[in-house]
Protein backbone atom coordinates (compact mmCIF):
# COMPACT_ATOMS: atom_id res chain seq x y z
CA MET A 1 -52.92 -12.49 67.33
CA ASP A 2 -53.13 -15.69 69.41
CA ILE A 3 -49.64 -17.17 69.04
CA LYS A 4 -50.37 -20.51 70.72
CA SER A 5 -53.07 -21.28 68.14
CA LEU A 6 -50.64 -20.97 65.20
CA SER A 7 -49.26 -24.04 63.42
CA LEU A 8 -45.49 -24.31 63.02
CA ASP A 9 -45.69 -23.20 59.37
CA GLU A 10 -47.82 -20.17 60.33
CA LEU A 11 -45.37 -19.36 63.10
CA LYS A 12 -42.47 -19.45 60.64
CA THR A 13 -44.29 -16.88 58.51
CA GLU A 14 -44.85 -14.58 61.47
CA ILE A 15 -41.25 -14.89 62.66
CA ALA A 16 -40.05 -13.97 59.16
CA LYS A 17 -42.26 -10.85 59.28
CA LEU A 18 -40.39 -9.84 62.44
CA GLY A 19 -37.09 -10.10 60.56
CA GLU A 20 -35.91 -13.05 62.66
CA LYS A 21 -34.12 -16.20 61.49
CA PRO A 22 -36.36 -19.20 60.61
CA TYR A 23 -34.96 -21.49 63.32
CA ARG A 24 -36.38 -19.17 65.97
CA ALA A 25 -39.88 -20.38 65.03
CA LYS A 26 -38.99 -23.98 65.87
CA GLN A 27 -37.48 -22.87 69.18
CA LEU A 28 -40.58 -20.86 70.03
CA TYR A 29 -42.94 -23.69 69.03
CA GLU A 30 -40.99 -26.10 71.22
CA TRP A 31 -41.19 -23.76 74.20
CA MET A 32 -44.97 -23.50 73.81
CA HIS A 33 -45.94 -27.06 72.89
CA VAL A 34 -43.20 -29.34 74.29
CA LYS A 35 -41.63 -27.51 77.23
CA LEU A 36 -45.05 -26.00 78.03
CA ALA A 37 -43.73 -22.56 78.96
CA ARG A 38 -46.27 -20.46 80.84
CA GLY A 39 -44.95 -17.20 79.35
CA TYR A 40 -42.28 -15.59 77.16
CA ASP A 41 -40.01 -14.94 80.13
CA GLU A 42 -39.35 -18.69 80.48
CA MET A 43 -37.93 -18.90 76.94
CA THR A 44 -34.33 -18.41 77.96
CA ASN A 45 -32.67 -19.28 74.63
CA LEU A 46 -34.61 -16.55 72.80
CA PRO A 47 -33.03 -13.07 72.76
CA LYS A 48 -34.69 -10.56 75.04
CA SER A 49 -35.33 -8.32 72.03
CA LEU A 50 -37.32 -11.10 70.33
CA ARG A 51 -39.29 -11.85 73.46
CA GLU A 52 -40.22 -8.16 73.67
CA LYS A 53 -41.37 -8.17 70.03
CA LEU A 54 -43.46 -11.27 70.65
CA SER A 55 -45.02 -9.78 73.77
CA ASP A 56 -45.97 -6.61 71.88
CA ARG A 57 -47.43 -8.44 68.88
CA PHE A 58 -48.98 -11.67 70.18
CA GLU A 59 -51.38 -12.74 72.88
CA TYR A 60 -49.97 -15.63 74.92
CA THR A 61 -52.63 -17.96 76.31
CA SER A 62 -51.83 -19.20 79.80
CA LEU A 63 -54.80 -20.32 81.87
CA ARG A 64 -54.88 -19.39 85.55
CA GLU A 65 -55.53 -22.26 87.93
CA VAL A 66 -58.38 -21.20 90.23
CA THR A 67 -59.21 -24.41 92.08
CA VAL A 68 -58.02 -28.01 92.12
CA GLN A 69 -60.05 -30.71 93.82
CA THR A 70 -58.45 -34.12 94.40
CA SER A 71 -60.59 -37.20 94.94
CA LYS A 72 -59.87 -39.17 98.11
CA LEU A 73 -61.37 -42.19 96.38
CA ASP A 74 -59.19 -42.55 93.29
CA GLY A 75 -56.86 -39.54 92.97
CA THR A 76 -58.84 -37.95 90.13
CA LYS A 77 -58.24 -34.19 89.94
CA LYS A 78 -60.82 -31.61 88.87
CA PHE A 79 -59.37 -28.28 87.70
CA LEU A 80 -61.15 -24.94 87.41
CA PHE A 81 -59.31 -22.49 85.12
CA GLU A 82 -59.81 -18.79 84.47
CA LEU A 83 -59.40 -17.51 80.90
CA SER A 84 -57.93 -14.13 79.96
CA ASP A 85 -61.41 -12.54 79.88
CA GLY A 86 -62.35 -13.90 83.31
CA LYS A 87 -64.53 -16.74 82.02
CA LEU A 88 -64.22 -20.12 83.73
CA VAL A 89 -63.71 -23.60 82.30
CA GLU A 90 -63.11 -26.94 83.93
CA SER A 91 -61.04 -30.03 83.14
CA VAL A 92 -60.50 -33.44 84.72
CA TRP A 93 -57.27 -35.48 85.11
CA MET A 94 -57.67 -39.23 85.58
CA ARG A 95 -55.02 -41.87 86.15
CA TYR A 96 -55.59 -45.25 84.51
CA HIS A 97 -53.34 -48.30 84.19
CA HIS A 98 -52.88 -47.51 80.48
CA GLY A 99 -51.83 -43.89 81.14
CA ASN A 100 -53.14 -40.51 82.22
CA SER A 101 -56.27 -39.10 80.60
CA VAL A 102 -57.47 -35.51 80.54
CA CYS A 103 -61.05 -34.51 79.83
CA ILE A 104 -61.21 -30.95 78.50
CA SER A 105 -63.87 -28.37 77.71
CA SER A 106 -64.43 -26.98 74.22
CA GLN A 107 -66.75 -24.07 75.05
CA VAL A 108 -67.61 -21.75 77.92
CA GLY A 109 -71.07 -23.06 78.71
CA CYS A 110 -73.18 -24.99 76.20
CA ARG A 111 -76.31 -24.33 74.18
CA MET A 112 -77.37 -27.96 73.58
CA GLY A 113 -79.63 -28.07 76.66
CA CYS A 114 -79.32 -31.75 77.62
CA ARG A 115 -81.62 -31.91 80.61
CA PHE A 116 -79.43 -33.93 82.99
CA CYS A 117 -76.22 -31.92 82.41
CA ALA A 118 -74.96 -29.03 84.53
CA SER A 119 -72.92 -27.65 81.61
CA THR A 120 -75.98 -26.34 79.80
CA ILE A 121 -77.42 -24.34 82.68
CA GLY A 122 -76.89 -20.69 81.72
CA GLY A 123 -76.40 -21.49 78.04
CA LEU A 124 -73.41 -20.83 75.80
CA GLU A 125 -71.10 -17.89 76.50
CA ARG A 126 -68.43 -18.42 73.83
CA ASN A 127 -66.25 -20.90 71.97
CA LEU A 128 -62.75 -21.76 73.15
CA ALA A 129 -59.79 -21.01 70.90
CA PRO A 130 -57.44 -23.89 70.01
CA SER A 131 -54.88 -22.45 72.42
CA GLU A 132 -57.42 -22.51 75.27
CA MET A 133 -58.17 -26.17 74.62
CA LEU A 134 -54.47 -27.00 74.37
CA ASP A 135 -53.57 -25.07 77.49
CA GLN A 136 -55.96 -27.07 79.66
CA ILE A 137 -53.76 -30.07 78.89
CA TYR A 138 -50.52 -28.10 79.23
CA ALA A 139 -51.48 -26.55 82.57
CA ILE A 140 -52.55 -29.92 83.98
CA SER A 141 -49.32 -31.55 82.77
CA LYS A 142 -47.30 -28.84 84.51
CA SER A 143 -49.39 -29.08 87.68
CA THR A 144 -49.23 -32.88 87.99
CA GLY A 145 -45.72 -33.29 86.59
CA GLU A 146 -46.99 -36.26 84.56
CA ARG A 147 -47.42 -36.84 80.83
CA VAL A 148 -50.90 -36.99 79.35
CA SER A 149 -51.39 -39.90 76.95
CA ASN A 150 -55.15 -39.74 76.28
CA VAL A 151 -57.43 -36.77 75.64
CA VAL A 152 -61.22 -36.77 75.67
CA VAL A 153 -63.11 -33.68 74.56
CA MET A 154 -66.14 -34.40 76.72
CA GLY A 155 -66.11 -31.54 79.19
CA THR A 156 -68.29 -28.44 79.04
CA GLY A 157 -69.56 -27.62 75.56
CA GLU A 158 -70.45 -29.39 72.33
CA PRO A 159 -67.16 -29.89 70.42
CA LEU A 160 -68.78 -30.05 66.98
CA ASP A 161 -70.46 -26.70 67.68
CA ASN A 162 -66.91 -25.28 67.69
CA TYR A 163 -65.78 -27.27 64.66
CA ASP A 164 -62.96 -25.22 63.10
CA ASN A 165 -61.22 -24.56 66.42
CA LEU A 166 -61.66 -28.22 67.39
CA LEU A 167 -60.07 -29.43 64.17
CA ARG A 168 -57.07 -27.14 64.59
CA PHE A 169 -56.73 -28.33 68.19
CA ILE A 170 -56.68 -31.98 67.05
CA HIS A 171 -53.97 -31.32 64.47
CA MET A 172 -51.86 -29.43 67.00
CA ILE A 173 -52.13 -31.87 69.92
CA THR A 174 -51.19 -34.74 67.58
CA ASP A 175 -48.41 -32.80 65.81
CA GLU A 176 -45.04 -34.58 65.97
CA ASN A 177 -43.46 -31.21 66.79
CA GLY A 178 -45.67 -30.83 69.86
CA LEU A 179 -46.94 -33.32 72.45
CA ASN A 180 -47.42 -35.83 69.62
CA ILE A 181 -50.39 -37.62 71.20
CA SER A 182 -51.66 -40.35 68.87
CA GLN A 183 -54.91 -39.63 67.04
CA ARG A 184 -56.11 -43.01 68.26
CA ASN A 185 -55.83 -41.66 71.82
CA ILE A 186 -58.18 -38.75 71.12
CA THR A 187 -61.94 -39.05 71.69
CA ILE A 188 -64.46 -36.42 70.60
CA SER A 189 -67.96 -36.48 72.05
CA THR A 190 -71.06 -35.10 70.34
CA CYS A 191 -74.76 -35.00 71.12
CA GLY A 192 -75.39 -35.62 67.40
CA ILE A 193 -74.95 -32.65 65.04
CA VAL A 194 -75.37 -34.71 61.89
CA GLU A 195 -73.78 -32.51 59.23
CA GLN A 196 -70.70 -31.90 61.39
CA MET A 197 -70.36 -35.62 62.14
CA ARG A 198 -70.27 -36.29 58.40
CA ARG A 199 -67.84 -33.43 57.87
CA LEU A 200 -65.55 -34.88 60.54
CA ALA A 201 -65.80 -38.32 58.90
CA ASP A 202 -64.56 -36.83 55.64
CA GLU A 203 -61.39 -35.64 57.42
CA LYS A 204 -60.54 -39.36 57.73
CA LEU A 205 -58.81 -38.87 61.07
CA GLN A 206 -58.11 -41.83 63.35
CA ILE A 207 -59.81 -40.31 66.40
CA THR A 208 -62.69 -41.98 68.25
CA LEU A 209 -66.16 -40.47 67.87
CA ALA A 210 -68.44 -40.86 70.89
CA LEU A 211 -72.15 -40.20 70.43
CA SER A 212 -74.13 -39.10 73.48
CA LEU A 213 -77.14 -41.31 72.76
CA HIS A 214 -78.95 -41.58 76.12
CA GLY A 215 -82.17 -42.81 74.53
CA ALA A 216 -82.83 -45.54 71.96
CA THR A 217 -86.03 -44.07 70.50
CA GLN A 218 -86.80 -40.66 69.08
CA ALA A 219 -89.35 -40.03 71.82
CA LYS A 220 -86.92 -40.91 74.62
CA ARG A 221 -84.12 -38.79 73.11
CA ARG A 222 -86.52 -35.84 72.84
CA GLU A 223 -87.38 -36.23 76.49
CA LEU A 224 -83.72 -35.87 77.47
CA MET A 225 -82.00 -33.97 74.64
CA PRO A 226 -83.38 -30.95 72.75
CA ILE A 227 -81.03 -31.74 69.81
CA ALA A 228 -83.49 -34.55 68.98
CA ASP A 229 -86.00 -31.91 67.90
CA ARG A 230 -83.63 -31.11 65.04
CA TYR A 231 -82.38 -34.55 64.02
CA ASP A 232 -84.25 -37.84 63.90
CA ILE A 233 -82.45 -40.71 65.59
CA SER A 234 -82.22 -42.54 62.24
CA GLU A 235 -80.25 -39.59 60.79
CA VAL A 236 -77.85 -39.69 63.73
CA ILE A 237 -77.26 -43.44 63.44
CA ASP A 238 -76.73 -43.09 59.67
CA ALA A 239 -74.07 -40.43 60.37
CA CYS A 240 -72.37 -42.81 62.82
CA ILE A 241 -72.31 -45.57 60.20
CA TYR A 242 -70.88 -43.10 57.68
CA TYR A 243 -68.13 -42.15 60.15
CA PHE A 244 -67.32 -45.82 60.74
CA ARG A 245 -67.13 -46.56 57.02
CA GLN A 246 -65.00 -43.50 56.25
CA THR A 247 -62.50 -44.03 59.05
CA GLY A 248 -62.69 -47.67 60.13
CA ARG A 249 -62.97 -46.41 63.72
CA ARG A 250 -65.51 -48.01 66.06
CA ILE A 251 -68.20 -45.69 67.38
CA THR A 252 -68.78 -45.35 71.13
CA PHE A 253 -72.38 -44.83 72.23
CA GLU A 254 -72.49 -43.00 75.56
CA TYR A 255 -75.65 -43.95 77.43
CA SER A 256 -76.29 -42.20 80.76
CA LEU A 257 -78.72 -44.28 82.79
CA VAL A 258 -81.33 -42.16 84.58
CA GLY A 259 -83.37 -43.96 87.23
CA GLY A 260 -86.89 -44.72 85.99
CA VAL A 261 -86.39 -42.74 82.78
CA ASN A 262 -84.24 -44.73 80.34
CA ASP A 263 -83.05 -47.77 82.32
CA THR A 264 -85.97 -50.20 81.96
CA ASP A 265 -86.05 -53.59 80.24
CA GLU A 266 -88.02 -51.94 77.45
CA ASP A 267 -85.31 -49.31 77.00
CA ALA A 268 -82.68 -52.05 76.77
CA GLU A 269 -84.73 -53.86 74.12
CA HIS A 270 -85.09 -50.64 72.11
CA LEU A 271 -81.32 -50.14 72.25
CA CYS A 272 -80.74 -53.73 71.12
CA SER A 273 -83.10 -53.20 68.20
CA LEU A 274 -81.45 -49.90 67.29
CA VAL A 275 -77.85 -51.11 67.04
CA GLY A 276 -78.05 -54.90 67.21
CA GLY A 277 -79.61 -55.38 63.81
CA LEU A 278 -77.15 -53.24 61.84
CA ASN A 279 -75.05 -55.17 59.35
CA CYS A 280 -71.80 -53.52 60.51
CA PRO A 281 -69.51 -55.96 62.34
CA GLY A 282 -67.36 -54.14 64.92
CA PHE A 283 -69.40 -50.97 64.42
CA CYS A 284 -70.01 -49.86 68.00
CA HIS A 285 -69.39 -50.14 71.70
CA VAL A 286 -71.95 -49.05 74.31
CA ASN A 287 -70.61 -47.25 77.37
CA LEU A 288 -73.16 -47.32 80.19
CA ILE A 289 -72.86 -44.43 82.64
CA SER A 290 -74.63 -43.84 85.91
CA VAL A 291 -75.92 -40.28 85.63
CA ASN A 292 -74.45 -37.73 88.05
CA PRO A 293 -77.36 -36.09 89.91
CA ILE A 294 -77.29 -32.28 89.97
CA LYS A 295 -79.27 -30.09 92.33
CA GLU A 296 -80.93 -28.10 89.53
CA ARG A 297 -82.60 -31.24 88.14
CA ASP A 298 -84.65 -34.03 89.72
CA PHE A 299 -83.00 -36.89 87.83
CA VAL A 300 -81.60 -39.72 89.95
CA GLU A 301 -78.99 -42.37 89.16
CA SER A 302 -80.07 -45.90 88.36
CA GLU A 303 -79.61 -48.61 90.95
CA ARG A 304 -76.57 -50.82 90.48
CA LYS A 305 -78.69 -53.92 89.83
CA ASP A 306 -80.59 -52.11 87.07
CA ILE A 307 -77.34 -51.02 85.41
CA LEU A 308 -75.96 -54.57 85.44
CA ASN A 309 -79.26 -55.96 84.19
CA PHE A 310 -79.22 -53.44 81.33
CA GLN A 311 -75.68 -54.49 80.44
CA LYS A 312 -76.59 -58.20 80.46
CA LYS A 313 -79.48 -57.65 78.07
CA LEU A 314 -77.13 -55.96 75.59
CA GLU A 315 -74.48 -58.65 75.92
CA LYS A 316 -77.05 -61.38 75.29
CA ARG A 317 -77.66 -59.74 71.93
CA HIS A 318 -73.88 -59.72 71.29
CA ILE A 319 -73.60 -55.96 71.73
CA ASN A 320 -70.30 -54.89 73.30
CA ALA A 321 -71.25 -53.03 76.48
CA THR A 322 -69.26 -51.85 79.48
CA VAL A 323 -70.15 -49.91 82.62
CA ARG A 324 -67.98 -46.84 82.96
CA ARG A 325 -65.81 -46.80 86.04
CA GLU A 326 -66.98 -43.97 88.28
CA MET A 327 -64.22 -41.49 89.03
CA GLY A 328 -64.20 -38.24 90.97
CA ARG A 329 -67.69 -38.64 92.42
CA ASP A 330 -66.60 -36.86 95.62
CA ILE A 331 -65.20 -33.78 93.81
CA ASP A 332 -67.94 -32.43 91.49
CA GLY A 333 -66.58 -34.80 88.84
CA ALA A 334 -69.40 -34.50 86.30
CA CYS A 335 -69.38 -32.00 83.45
CA GLY A 336 -70.14 -28.47 84.57
CA GLN A 337 -70.58 -29.13 88.29
CA LEU A 338 -67.48 -27.35 89.62
CA ARG A 339 -67.89 -24.38 87.29
CA ARG A 340 -71.57 -24.11 88.18
CA ARG A 341 -70.85 -24.19 91.90
CA SER A 342 -68.18 -21.52 91.52
CA LEU A 343 -70.49 -19.23 89.53
CA SER A 344 -73.29 -19.73 92.06
CA ALA A 345 -70.93 -18.77 94.90
CA LYS A 346 -70.06 -15.53 93.09
CA ALA A 347 -73.69 -14.59 92.44
């Protein structure tokens, strides 16, 4: 059994089964989720006999740090971790004026197939357990010696394709008995799995939902994202509106600008028409991103003048739009790049 994926109440039940006193569960939970112990041997206020029982009965997730790259431009750190079965995942630590953010992976690989993303090359290998998502944050906190205040699940994988584990992760990372990160400081990204977006809306959490839009028409989304073969863009936007109305939380539209593909004046007008005419004040924010070129694809980033022109066209239509600050460009900062390079080196 994976002990680091258990809630405090579940842990109390398991501790009782071992014939131990109830307060031991709280001590154990604190060691795992507050003190961020990397193993049972660090839990010095637990009797050795209990630690031996725990070691015999429970798996203890503790990711092994394989590589850390530090940007000379902005101090961003890119981590490559090895899981217990030898699989690799990557995470990013970013320092902002409002606090430290960590971008984590939710799967080993990805089956969504977005054509400009390195994460999808090689497909999906498996889902991550809640403990494996949590431990990316814990391991980075231990490595940097700094508290994490914001978490974005935007790394390798489609979070809503791993829904149950994702939901447990959210409840645990925001638990007052653990790191107690505010729900409002959690962002979940999706390429647009409609039924799961609506299911998440019904949870009525206060997290931010970010939709990877990348195209403002059905034809353009199909060109870039295979998920568009399954869901029409109108269905996806309707699911975003439903999320907004259920939670009161503004939607973020992630729009990666690919040179000559989705960055034209016509594309900007289509985006204005898509979201500008909706009768939902405060509904959305558009985050414009310069695509990270990868060697396996021939996509190129848009020129700076085209990005700013795109932003101006949105703002003229009173659509809130920002250009994402580029971080970690010199350290394989984009999703899947470091993992992909490591796997290629092994091959």
